[in-house]
Amino acid sequence: MAMDRVMKIQNKLQVDDFSEEVFWEEVDALAALDNALTLYDSFLRDKYRIRWLEGEDCNSFFYYVALKRRTISKLLSYLIINDKIVIDSDRIIAYTVNFYASLFFESNYSLSDFSIIQEHAPTLVTEHDNTCLLSFSLEQEIRNIVFDMDPSSALGPDGYTRRYFRSCWPIVCNDFILVVL
């Protein structure tokens, strides 16, 4: 939309004689286009989690190739099921869900005798280390972990960013620690 507006104004400038009114209209349109492109770039950066692209330190070719690669790699346009190519997304989804549901169904797992592994695998963790690893995390440890995370990273499964937990830590710390412990 902003691009169309700029194109119309530039076409008007080529056809008609120069006028100051059209010039300022073009300046406004270019500013709006720049703003729209900046917002779009920010959206893509957030969407594809490419954090290193900042200010003057950017390799736009790499950036757009990475975006294209991520977009293409996330698409599943067809699947071969029983030697037939299926392009219907609903059938692909149903087949995939059924495949993994049957793959991880409990009856597919057989309990084997793992004594041979226990006999020959060396014990690398001492009793003391094992106790420390299995002990509950301390409140300060949990706080340090939360505050060491990147505050601008993607939303968690609960829909909150790390920045939220940092800023509201005095309020949410007890509930958060109860969930972790």
Foldseek 3Di string as FASTA:
>chain_A
DLVVQLVVLVVVCVVDPDDPVSVVSNVVSVVVVVVVVVVVVVVLCQVLVPPVDDDPPDDVVVVVVSSVVVVVVPDDQWDQDPNDIDRPVVVVVVVVVVVVCVVPPPVVDDDDDCVVVVVPPDDPADPVNVCVVPDQDDLVRVVVVLVPDDQSHDADPVRHGSVVCVVCVVPCSVVVSVVRD
